[in-house]
PDB file of N, CA and C in Angstrom:
ATOM      1  N   MET A   1      -0.038 -20.458   6.498  1.00  0.00           N
ATOM      2  CA  MET A   1      -0.587 -19.799   5.328  1.00  0.00           C
ATOM      3  C   MET A   1      -0.827 -20.832   4.226  1.00  0.00           C
ATOM      4  N   GLU A   2      -1.902 -20.686   3.556  1.00  0.00           N
ATOM      5  CA  GLU A   2      -2.180 -21.551   2.437  1.00  0.00           C
ATOM      6  C   GLU A   2      -1.585 -20.942   1.184  1.00  0.00           C
ATOM      7  N   SER A   3      -1.600 -21.712   0.129  1.00  0.00           N
ATOM      8  CA  SER A   3      -0.979 -21.252  -1.124  1.00  0.00           C
ATOM      9  C   SER A   3      -2.047 -21.061  -2.183  1.00  0.00           C
ATOM     10  N   ILE A   4      -1.970 -19.952  -2.871  1.00  0.00           N
ATOM     11  CA  ILE A   4      -2.833 -19.693  -3.995  1.00  0.00           C
ATOM     12  C   ILE A   4      -1.939 -19.536  -5.223  1.00  0.00           C
ATOM     13  N   ASP A   5      -2.039 -20.426  -6.161  1.00  0.00           N
ATOM     14  CA  ASP A   5      -1.188 -20.424  -7.360  1.00  0.00           C
ATOM     15  C   ASP A   5       0.288 -20.418  -6.977  1.00  0.00           C
ATOM     16  N   GLY A   6       0.657 -21.147  -5.943  1.00  0.00           N
ATOM     17  CA  GLY A   6       2.052 -21.252  -5.546  1.00  0.00           C
ATOM     18  C   GLY A   6       2.590 -20.074  -4.772  1.00  0.00           C
ATOM     19  N   VAL A   7       1.749 -19.104  -4.480  1.00  0.00           N
ATOM     20  CA  VAL A   7       2.190 -17.927  -3.738  1.00  0.00           C
ATOM     21  C   VAL A   7       1.503 -17.949  -2.383  1.00  0.00           C
ATOM     22  N   SER A   8       2.262 -17.766  -1.324  1.00  0.00           N
ATOM     23  CA  SER A   8       1.641 -17.801   0.003  1.00  0.00           C
ATOM     24  C   SER A   8       0.710 -16.619   0.174  1.00  0.00           C
ATOM     25  N   ALA A   9      -0.418 -16.893   0.813  1.00  0.00           N
ATOM     26  CA  ALA A   9      -1.423 -15.855   1.055  1.00  0.00           C
ATOM     27  C   ALA A   9      -2.045 -16.063   2.415  1.00  0.00           C
ATOM     28  N   PRO A  10      -2.340 -14.990   3.120  1.00  0.00           N
ATOM     29  CA  PRO A  10      -3.012 -15.180   4.412  1.00  0.00           C
ATOM     30  C   PRO A  10      -4.423 -15.700   4.217  1.00  0.00           C
ATOM     31  N   THR A  11      -4.823 -16.631   5.039  1.00  0.00           N
ATOM     32  CA  THR A  11      -6.153 -17.196   4.914  1.00  0.00           C
ATOM     33  C   THR A  11      -7.139 -16.537   5.881  1.00  0.00           C
ATOM     34  N   GLY A  12      -6.652 -16.016   6.972  1.00  0.00           N
ATOM     35  CA  GLY A  12      -7.523 -15.341   7.942  1.00  0.00           C
ATOM     36  C   GLY A  12      -7.632 -13.882   7.625  1.00  0.00           C
ATOM     37  N   GLY A  13      -8.395 -13.180   8.444  1.00  0.00           N
ATOM     38  CA  GLY A  13      -8.538 -11.750   8.267  1.00  0.00           C
ATOM     39  C   GLY A  13      -7.265 -11.018   8.655  1.00  0.00           C
ATOM     40  N   VAL A  14      -7.083  -9.848   8.126  1.00  0.00           N
ATOM     41  CA  VAL A  14      -5.920  -9.030   8.467  1.00  0.00           C
ATOM     42  C   VAL A  14      -6.168  -8.390   9.813  1.00  0.00           C
ATOM     43  N   ARG A  15      -5.198  -8.448  10.699  1.00  0.00           N
ATOM     44  CA  ARG A  15      -5.356  -7.904  12.027  1.00  0.00           C
ATOM     45  C   ARG A  15      -4.924  -6.456  12.082  1.00  0.00           C
ATOM     46  N   PHE A  16      -5.638  -5.684  12.883  1.00  0.00           N
ATOM     47  CA  PHE A  16      -5.276  -4.282  13.127  1.00  0.00           C
ATOM     48  C   PHE A  16      -4.258  -4.284  14.246  1.00  0.00           C
ATOM     49  N   THR A  17      -3.045  -3.865  13.934  1.00  0.00           N
ATOM     50  CA  THR A  17      -1.954  -3.934  14.907  1.00  0.00           C
ATOM     51  C   THR A  17      -1.542  -2.543  15.366  1.00  0.00           C
ATOM     52  N   ALA A  18      -0.588  -2.511  16.272  1.00  0.00           N
ATOM     53  CA  ALA A  18      -0.075  -1.232  16.779  1.00  0.00           C
ATOM     54  C   ALA A  18       0.580  -0.414  15.663  1.00  0.00           C
ATOM     55  N   ALA A  19       1.157  -1.082  14.662  1.00  0.00           N
ATOM     56  CA  ALA A  19       1.767  -0.360  13.551  1.00  0.00           C
ATOM     57  C   ALA A  19       0.709   0.401  12.754  1.00  0.00           C
ATOM     58  N   HIS A  20      -0.433  -0.204  12.544  1.00  0.00           N
ATOM     59  CA  HIS A  20      -1.511   0.489  11.832  1.00  0.00           C
ATOM     60  C   HIS A  20      -2.011   1.680  12.636  1.00  0.00           C
ATOM     61  N   ALA A  21      -2.188   1.463  13.937  1.00  0.00           N
ATOM     62  CA  ALA A  21      -2.654   2.556  14.809  1.00  0.00           C
ATOM     63  C   ALA A  21      -1.651   3.700  14.832  1.00  0.00           C
ATOM     64  N   PHE A  22      -0.347   3.373  14.831  1.00  0.00           N
ATOM     65  CA  PHE A  22       0.683   4.407  14.850  1.00  0.00           C
ATOM     66  C   PHE A  22       0.619   5.275  13.602  1.00  0.00           C
ATOM     67  N   VAL A  23       0.427   4.671  12.437  1.00  0.00           N
ATOM     68  CA  VAL A  23       0.377   5.438  11.189  1.00  0.00           C
ATOM     69  C   VAL A  23      -0.824   6.388  11.196  1.00  0.00           C
ATOM     70  N   ILE A  24      -1.968   5.881  11.625  1.00  0.00           N
ATOM     71  CA  ILE A  24      -3.175   6.728  11.682  1.00  0.00           C
ATOM     72  C   ILE A  24      -2.961   7.871  12.689  1.00  0.00           C
ATOM     73  N   THR A  25      -2.402   7.555  13.837  1.00  0.00           N
ATOM     74  CA  THR A  25      -2.154   8.572  14.850  1.00  0.00           C
ATOM     75  C   THR A  25      -1.144   9.610  14.354  1.00  0.00           C
ATOM     76  N   ALA A  26      -0.109   9.165  13.647  1.00  0.00           N
ATOM     77  CA  ALA A  26       0.894  10.089  13.136  1.00  0.00           C
ATOM     78  C   ALA A  26       0.275  11.037  12.110  1.00  0.00           C
ATOM     79  N   TYR A  27      -0.587  10.532  11.241  1.00  0.00           N
ATOM     80  CA  TYR A  27      -1.251  11.403  10.263  1.00  0.00           C
ATOM     81  C   TYR A  27      -2.128  12.425  10.960  1.00  0.00           C
ATOM     82  N   LEU A  28      -2.883  12.000  11.953  1.00  0.00           N
ATOM     83  CA  LEU A  28      -3.736  12.950  12.684  1.00  0.00           C
ATOM     84  C   LEU A  28      -2.904  13.991  13.414  1.00  0.00           C
ATOM     85  N   ALA A  29      -1.809  13.554  14.047  1.00  0.00           N
ATOM     86  CA  ALA A  29      -0.921  14.482  14.750  1.00  0.00           C
ATOM     87  C   ALA A  29      -0.311  15.490  13.774  1.00  0.00           C
ATOM     88  N   ALA A  30       0.091  15.025  12.620  1.00  0.00           N
ATOM     89  CA  ALA A  30       0.669  15.928  11.625  1.00  0.00           C
ATOM     90  C   ALA A  30      -0.357  16.947  11.165  1.00  0.00           C
ATOM     91  N   ALA A  31      -1.589  16.520  10.966  1.00  0.00           N
ATOM     92  CA  ALA A  31      -2.648  17.455  10.553  1.00  0.00           C
ATOM     93  C   ALA A  31      -2.898  18.504  11.613  1.00  0.00           C
ATOM     94  N   VAL A  32      -2.953  18.076  12.872  1.00  0.00           N
ATOM     95  CA  VAL A  32      -3.196  19.039  13.960  1.00  0.00           C
ATOM     96  C   VAL A  32      -2.031  20.003  14.091  1.00  0.00           C
ATOM     97  N   LEU A  33      -0.793  19.498  14.021  1.00  0.00           N
ATOM     98  CA  LEU A  33       0.361  20.382  14.131  1.00  0.00           C
ATOM     99  C   LEU A  33       0.429  21.383  12.987  1.00  0.00           C
ATOM    100  N   LEU A  34       0.124  20.935  11.786  1.00  0.00           N
ATOM    101  CA  LEU A  34       0.143  21.865  10.659  1.00  0.00           C
ATOM    102  C   LEU A  34      -0.933  22.932  10.788  1.00  0.00           C
ATOM    103  N   ALA A  35      -2.075  22.556  11.310  1.00  0.00           N
ATOM    104  CA  ALA A  35      -3.161  23.509  11.473  1.00  0.00           C
ATOM    105  C   ALA A  35      -2.849  24.519  12.570  1.00  0.00           C
ATOM    106  N   LEU A  36      -2.292  24.039  13.698  1.00  0.00           N
ATOM    107  CA  LEU A  36      -2.072  24.927  14.836  1.00  0.00           C
ATOM    108  C   LEU A  36      -0.773  25.737  14.740  1.00  0.00           C
ATOM    109  N   ILE A  37       0.289  25.100  14.319  1.00  0.00           N
ATOM    110  CA  ILE A  37       1.602  25.772  14.321  1.00  0.00           C
ATOM    111  C   ILE A  37       1.864  26.499  13.002  1.00  0.00           C
ATOM    112  N   ALA A  38       1.618  25.850  11.894  1.00  0.00           N
ATOM    113  CA  ALA A  38       1.914  26.453  10.592  1.00  0.00           C
ATOM    114  C   ALA A  38       0.754  27.295  10.072  1.00  0.00           C
ATOM    115  N   HIS A  39      -0.406  27.223  10.716  1.00  0.00           N
ATOM    116  CA  HIS A  39      -1.581  27.983  10.298  1.00  0.00           C
ATOM    117  C   HIS A  39      -1.961  27.723   8.850  1.00  0.00           C
ATOM    118  N   MET A  40      -1.859  26.464   8.484  1.00  0.00           N
ATOM    119  CA  MET A  40      -2.233  26.057   7.118  1.00  0.00           C
ATOM    120  C   MET A  40      -3.731  25.823   7.036  1.00  0.00           C
ATOM    121  N   PRO A  41      -4.364  26.151   5.918  1.00  0.00           N
ATOM    122  CA  PRO A  41      -5.775  25.831   5.751  1.00  0.00           C
ATOM    123  C   PRO A  41      -5.972  24.308   5.703  1.00  0.00           C
ATOM    124  N   VAL A  42      -7.133  23.856   6.125  1.00  0.00           N
ATOM    125  CA  VAL A  42      -7.420  22.423   6.182  1.00  0.00           C
ATOM    126  C   VAL A  42      -7.302  21.790   4.804  1.00  0.00           C
ATOM    127  N   GLN A  43      -7.736  22.491   3.756  1.00  0.00           N
ATOM    128  CA  GLN A  43      -7.654  21.940   2.410  1.00  0.00           C
ATOM    129  C   GLN A  43      -6.208  21.669   2.013  1.00  0.00           C
ATOM    130  N   ASP A  44      -5.292  22.582   2.333  1.00  0.00           N
ATOM    131  CA  ASP A  44      -3.871  22.377   2.027  1.00  0.00           C
ATOM    132  C   ASP A  44      -3.308  21.203   2.801  1.00  0.00           C
ATOM    133  N   ILE A  45      -3.728  21.067   4.053  1.00  0.00           N
ATOM    134  CA  ILE A  45      -3.257  19.942   4.879  1.00  0.00           C
ATOM    135  C   ILE A  45      -3.722  18.630   4.259  1.00  0.00           C
ATOM    136  N   LEU A  46      -4.982  18.552   3.843  1.00  0.00           N
ATOM    137  CA  LEU A  46      -5.492  17.339   3.244  1.00  0.00           C
ATOM    138  C   LEU A  46      -4.765  16.978   1.970  1.00  0.00           C
ATOM    139  N   VAL A  47      -4.451  17.972   1.150  1.00  0.00           N
ATOM    140  CA  VAL A  47      -3.714  17.729  -0.083  1.00  0.00           C
ATOM    141  C   VAL A  47      -2.298  17.242   0.220  1.00  0.00           C
ATOM    142  N   LEU A  48      -1.647  17.864   1.182  1.00  0.00           N
ATOM    143  CA  LEU A  48      -0.278  17.489   1.553  1.00  0.00           C
ATOM    144  C   LEU A  48      -0.224  16.052   2.097  1.00  0.00           C
ATOM    145  N   LEU A  49      -1.094  15.742   3.051  1.00  0.00           N
ATOM    146  CA  LEU A  49      -1.093  14.402   3.621  1.00  0.00           C
ATOM    147  C   LEU A  49      -1.608  13.360   2.630  1.00  0.00           C
ATOM    148  N   GLY A  50      -2.526  13.736   1.779  1.00  0.00           N
ATOM    149  CA  GLY A  50      -3.007  12.807   0.746  1.00  0.00           C
ATOM    150  C   GLY A  50      -1.892  12.487  -0.256  1.00  0.00           C
ATOM    151  N   GLY A  51      -1.106  13.489  -0.606  1.00  0.00           N
ATOM    152  CA  GLY A  51       0.043  13.264  -1.498  1.00  0.00           C
ATOM    153  C   GLY A  51       1.066  12.367  -0.859  1.00  0.00           C
ATOM    154  N   ALA A  52       1.341  12.614   0.430  1.00  0.00           N
ATOM    155  CA  ALA A  52       2.303  11.770   1.146  1.00  0.00           C
ATOM    156  C   ALA A  52       1.802  10.335   1.220  1.00  0.00           C
ATOM    157  N   GLY A  53       0.519  10.156   1.451  1.00  0.00           N
ATOM    158  CA  GLY A  53      -0.058   8.815   1.495  1.00  0.00           C
ATOM    159  C   GLY A  53       0.015   8.138   0.140  1.00  0.00           C
ATOM    160  N   ALA A  54      -0.211   8.889  -0.939  1.00  0.00           N
ATOM    161  CA  ALA A  54      -0.134   8.313  -2.281  1.00  0.00           C
ATOM    162  C   ALA A  54       1.285   7.875  -2.597  1.00  0.00           C
ATOM    163  N   VAL A  55       2.254   8.670  -2.202  1.00  0.00           N
ATOM    164  CA  VAL A  55       3.662   8.275  -2.395  1.00  0.00           C
ATOM    165  C   VAL A  55       3.974   7.017  -1.621  1.00  0.00           C
ATOM    166  N   SER A  56       3.472   6.914  -0.394  1.00  0.00           N
ATOM    167  CA  SER A  56       3.708   5.718   0.414  1.00  0.00           C
ATOM    168  C   SER A  56       3.116   4.476  -0.235  1.00  0.00           C
ATOM    169  N   VAL A  57       1.921   4.598  -0.762  1.00  0.00           N
ATOM    170  CA  VAL A  57       1.295   3.466  -1.443  1.00  0.00           C
ATOM    171  C   VAL A  57       2.102   3.087  -2.686  1.00  0.00           C
ATOM    172  N   ALA A  58       2.560   4.081  -3.436  1.00  0.00           N
ATOM    173  CA  ALA A  58       3.356   3.788  -4.636  1.00  0.00           C
ATOM    174  C   ALA A  58       4.641   3.055  -4.304  1.00  0.00           C
ATOM    175  N   VAL A  59       5.262   3.441  -3.190  1.00  0.00           N
ATOM    176  CA  VAL A  59       6.498   2.766  -2.768  1.00  0.00           C
ATOM    177  C   VAL A  59       6.204   1.338  -2.385  1.00  0.00           C
ATOM    178  N   LEU A  60       5.102   1.103  -1.665  1.00  0.00           N
ATOM    179  CA  LEU A  60       4.747  -0.258  -1.269  1.00  0.00           C
ATOM    180  C   LEU A  60       4.438  -1.142  -2.484  1.00  0.00           C
ATOM    181  N   VAL A  61       3.726  -0.574  -3.456  1.00  0.00           N
ATOM    182  CA  VAL A  61       3.363  -1.345  -4.638  1.00  0.00           C
ATOM    183  C   VAL A  61       4.621  -1.690  -5.462  1.00  0.00           C
ATOM    184  N   ALA A  62       5.572  -0.771  -5.515  1.00  0.00           N
ATOM    185  CA  ALA A  62       6.778  -0.993  -6.305  1.00  0.00           C
ATOM    186  C   ALA A  62       7.842  -1.813  -5.553  1.00  0.00           C
ATOM    187  N   SER A  63       7.635  -2.025  -4.278  1.00  0.00           N
ATOM    188  CA  SER A  63       8.647  -2.731  -3.477  1.00  0.00           C
ATOM    189  C   SER A  63       8.688  -4.214  -3.818  1.00  0.00           C
ATOM    190  N   ASN A  64       9.749  -4.837  -3.390  1.00  0.00           N
ATOM    191  CA  ASN A  64       9.907  -6.273  -3.646  1.00  0.00           C
ATOM    192  C   ASN A  64       9.084  -7.064  -2.653  1.00  0.00           C
ATOM    193  N   VAL A  65       8.456  -8.112  -3.178  1.00  0.00           N
ATOM    194  CA  VAL A  65       7.748  -9.081  -2.340  1.00  0.00           C
ATOM    195  C   VAL A  65       8.184 -10.469  -2.741  1.00  0.00           C
ATOM    196  N   ASN A  66       8.025 -11.418  -1.853  1.00  0.00           N
ATOM    197  CA  ASN A  66       8.402 -12.802  -2.141  1.00  0.00           C
ATOM    198  C   ASN A  66       7.428 -13.379  -3.171  1.00  0.00           C
ATOM    199  N   ASP A  67       7.952 -13.969  -4.229  1.00  0.00           N
ATOM    200  CA  ASP A  67       7.085 -14.520  -5.272  1.00  0.00           C
ATOM    201  C   ASP A  67       6.687 -15.979  -5.015  1.00  0.00           C
ATOM    202  N   GLY A  68       7.120 -16.551  -3.913  1.00  0.00           N
ATOM    203  CA  GLY A  68       6.760 -17.920  -3.578  1.00  0.00           C
ATOM    204  C   GLY A  68       7.635 -18.965  -4.208  1.00  0.00           C
ATOM    205  N   LYS A  69       8.577 -18.577  -5.039  1.00  0.00           N
ATOM    206  CA  LYS A  69       9.466 -19.510  -5.723  1.00  0.00           C
ATOM    207  C   LYS A  69      10.902 -19.311  -5.265  1.00  0.00           C
ATOM    208  N   GLY A  70      11.093 -18.656  -4.145  1.00  0.00           N
ATOM    209  CA  GLY A  70      12.434 -18.407  -3.657  1.00  0.00           C
ATOM    210  C   GLY A  70      13.040 -17.112  -4.172  1.00  0.00           C
ATOM    211  N   GLY A  71      12.427 -16.526  -5.193  1.00  0.00           N
ATOM    212  CA  GLY A  71      12.923 -15.264  -5.731  1.00  0.00           C
ATOM    213  C   GLY A  71      12.096 -14.106  -5.252  1.00  0.00           C
ATOM    214  N   ARG A  72      12.471 -12.934  -5.696  1.00  0.00           N
ATOM    215  CA  ARG A  72      11.707 -11.753  -5.299  1.00  0.00           C
ATOM    216  C   ARG A  72      11.249 -11.028  -6.570  1.00  0.00           C
ATOM    217  N   THR A  73      10.001 -10.646  -6.581  1.00  0.00           N
ATOM    218  CA  THR A  73       9.427  -9.950  -7.723  1.00  0.00           C
ATOM    219  C   THR A  73       8.649  -8.748  -7.191  1.00  0.00           C
ATOM    220  N   GLY A  74       8.732  -7.635  -7.886  1.00  0.00           N
ATOM    221  CA  GLY A  74       7.984  -6.461  -7.472  1.00  0.00           C
ATOM    222  C   GLY A  74       6.492  -6.709  -7.570  1.00  0.00           C
ATOM    223  N   LEU A  75       5.751  -6.188  -6.605  1.00  0.00           N
ATOM    224  CA  LEU A  75       4.306  -6.352  -6.598  1.00  0.00           C
ATOM    225  C   LEU A  75       3.696  -5.683  -7.816  1.00  0.00           C
ATOM    226  N   LEU A  76       4.235  -4.543  -8.230  1.00  0.00           N
ATOM    227  CA  LEU A  76       3.727  -3.872  -9.407  1.00  0.00           C
ATOM    228  C   LEU A  76       3.876  -4.767 -10.650  1.00  0.00           C
ATOM    229  N   ARG A  77       5.004  -5.451 -10.787  1.00  0.00           N
ATOM    230  CA  ARG A  77       5.205  -6.357 -11.909  1.00  0.00           C
ATOM    231  C   ARG A  77       4.219  -7.513 -11.856  1.00  0.00           C
ATOM    232  N   ARG A  78       3.965  -8.033 -10.672  1.00  0.00           N
ATOM    233  CA  ARG A  78       3.003  -9.125 -10.522  1.00  0.00           C
ATOM    234  C   ARG A  78       1.607  -8.665 -10.916  1.00  0.00           C
ATOM    235  N   LEU A  79       1.231  -7.439 -10.503  1.00  0.00           N
ATOM    236  CA  LEU A  79      -0.080  -6.922 -10.879  1.00  0.00           C
ATOM    237  C   LEU A  79      -0.210  -6.713 -12.371  1.00  0.00           C
ATOM    238  N   LEU A  80       0.837  -6.195 -12.997  1.00  0.00           N
ATOM    239  CA  LEU A  80       0.802  -5.992 -14.432  1.00  0.00           C
ATOM    240  C   LEU A  80       0.777  -7.322 -15.185  1.00  0.00           C
ATOM    241  N   ASN A  81       1.534  -8.298 -14.709  1.00  0.00           N
ATOM    242  CA  ASN A  81       1.506  -9.618 -15.334  1.00  0.00           C
ATOM    243  C   ASN A  81       0.121 -10.242 -15.212  1.00  0.00           C
ATOM    244  N   ALA A  82      -0.540 -10.047 -14.091  1.00  0.00           N
ATOM    245  CA  ALA A  82      -1.873 -10.587 -13.918  1.00  0.00           C
ATOM    246  C   ALA A  82      -2.871  -9.891 -14.836  1.00  0.00           C
ATOM    247  N   ALA A  83      -2.646  -8.592 -15.073  1.00  0.00           N
ATOM    248  CA  ALA A  83      -3.593  -7.836 -15.907  1.00  0.00           C
ATOM    249  C   ALA A  83      -3.446  -8.164 -17.379  1.00  0.00           C
ATOM    250  N   VAL A  84      -2.244  -8.411 -17.853  1.00  0.00           N
ATOM    251  CA  VAL A  84      -2.039  -8.631 -19.294  1.00  0.00           C
ATOM    252  C   VAL A  84      -1.669 -10.063 -19.620  1.00  0.00           C
ATOM    253  N   GLY A  85      -1.585 -10.921 -18.617  1.00  0.00           N
ATOM    254  CA  GLY A  85      -1.190 -12.309 -18.848  1.00  0.00           C
ATOM    255  C   GLY A  85      -2.331 -13.155 -19.402  1.00  0.00           C
ATOM    256  N   PRO A  86      -2.003 -14.388 -19.776  1.00  0.00           N
ATOM    257  CA  PRO A  86      -3.029 -15.267 -20.315  1.00  0.00           C
ATOM    258  C   PRO A  86      -4.016 -15.654 -19.234  1.00  0.00           C
ATOM    259  N   GLY A  87      -5.285 -15.839 -19.644  1.00  0.00           N
ATOM    260  CA  GLY A  87      -6.292 -16.258 -18.720  1.00  0.00           C
ATOM    261  C   GLY A  87      -7.034 -15.118 -18.043  1.00  0.00           C
ATOM    262  N   ASN A  88      -6.819 -13.889 -18.477  1.00  0.00           N
ATOM    263  CA  ASN A  88      -7.505 -12.774 -17.852  1.00  0.00           C
ATOM    264  C   ASN A  88      -8.679 -12.287 -18.666  1.00  0.00           C
ATOM    265  N   GLY A  89      -8.941 -12.928 -19.783  1.00  0.00           N
ATOM    266  CA  GLY A  89     -10.099 -12.561 -20.584  1.00  0.00           C
ATOM    267  C   GLY A  89      -9.811 -11.513 -21.645  1.00  0.00           C
ATOM    268  N   SER A  90      -8.565 -11.029 -21.734  1.00  0.00           N
ATOM    269  CA  SER A  90      -8.261 -10.016 -22.723  1.00  0.00           C
ATOM    270  C   SER A  90      -7.972 -10.692 -24.065  1.00  0.00           C
ATOM    271  N   VAL A  91      -8.123  -9.936 -25.127  1.00  0.00           N
ATOM    272  CA  VAL A  91      -7.861 -10.441 -26.466  1.00  0.00           C
ATOM    273  C   VAL A  91      -6.396 -10.138 -26.790  1.00  0.00           C
ATOM    274  N   ASN A  92      -5.648 -11.185 -27.127  1.00  0.00           N
ATOM    275  CA  ASN A  92      -4.223 -10.990 -27.450  1.00  0.00           C
ATOM    276  C   ASN A  92      -4.017 -10.969 -28.939  1.00  0.00           C
TER     277      ASN A  92
END
C-alpha cells in the first residue's frame, strides 16, 4: 500500500469478496423471508432494511481505524477534521 499524507491507502481497485456477497445475499434473504413469512408489505421491508443498513454505515464510520501514526482515530473524527481543518478552502 502506498501512503497518502502519511496514511496507508489502497492503490488498486477494491475487490468484491465473499464477505460482500454474503451481506448482499443476507439482505435479499431477509427481504424474502419478511415478505413470505411475516406478510410485510414491500415498502415496510425496504424501510426496515434501509434503516438497518444506515445503522451499519454509521457504526462503520464511527469505528476506530488506524491513523497511520501507530494510534487509532475514529473515521468520523478524521472526516470532520478534513472538513473543517486548514487547507480545505473554508474561511476561518
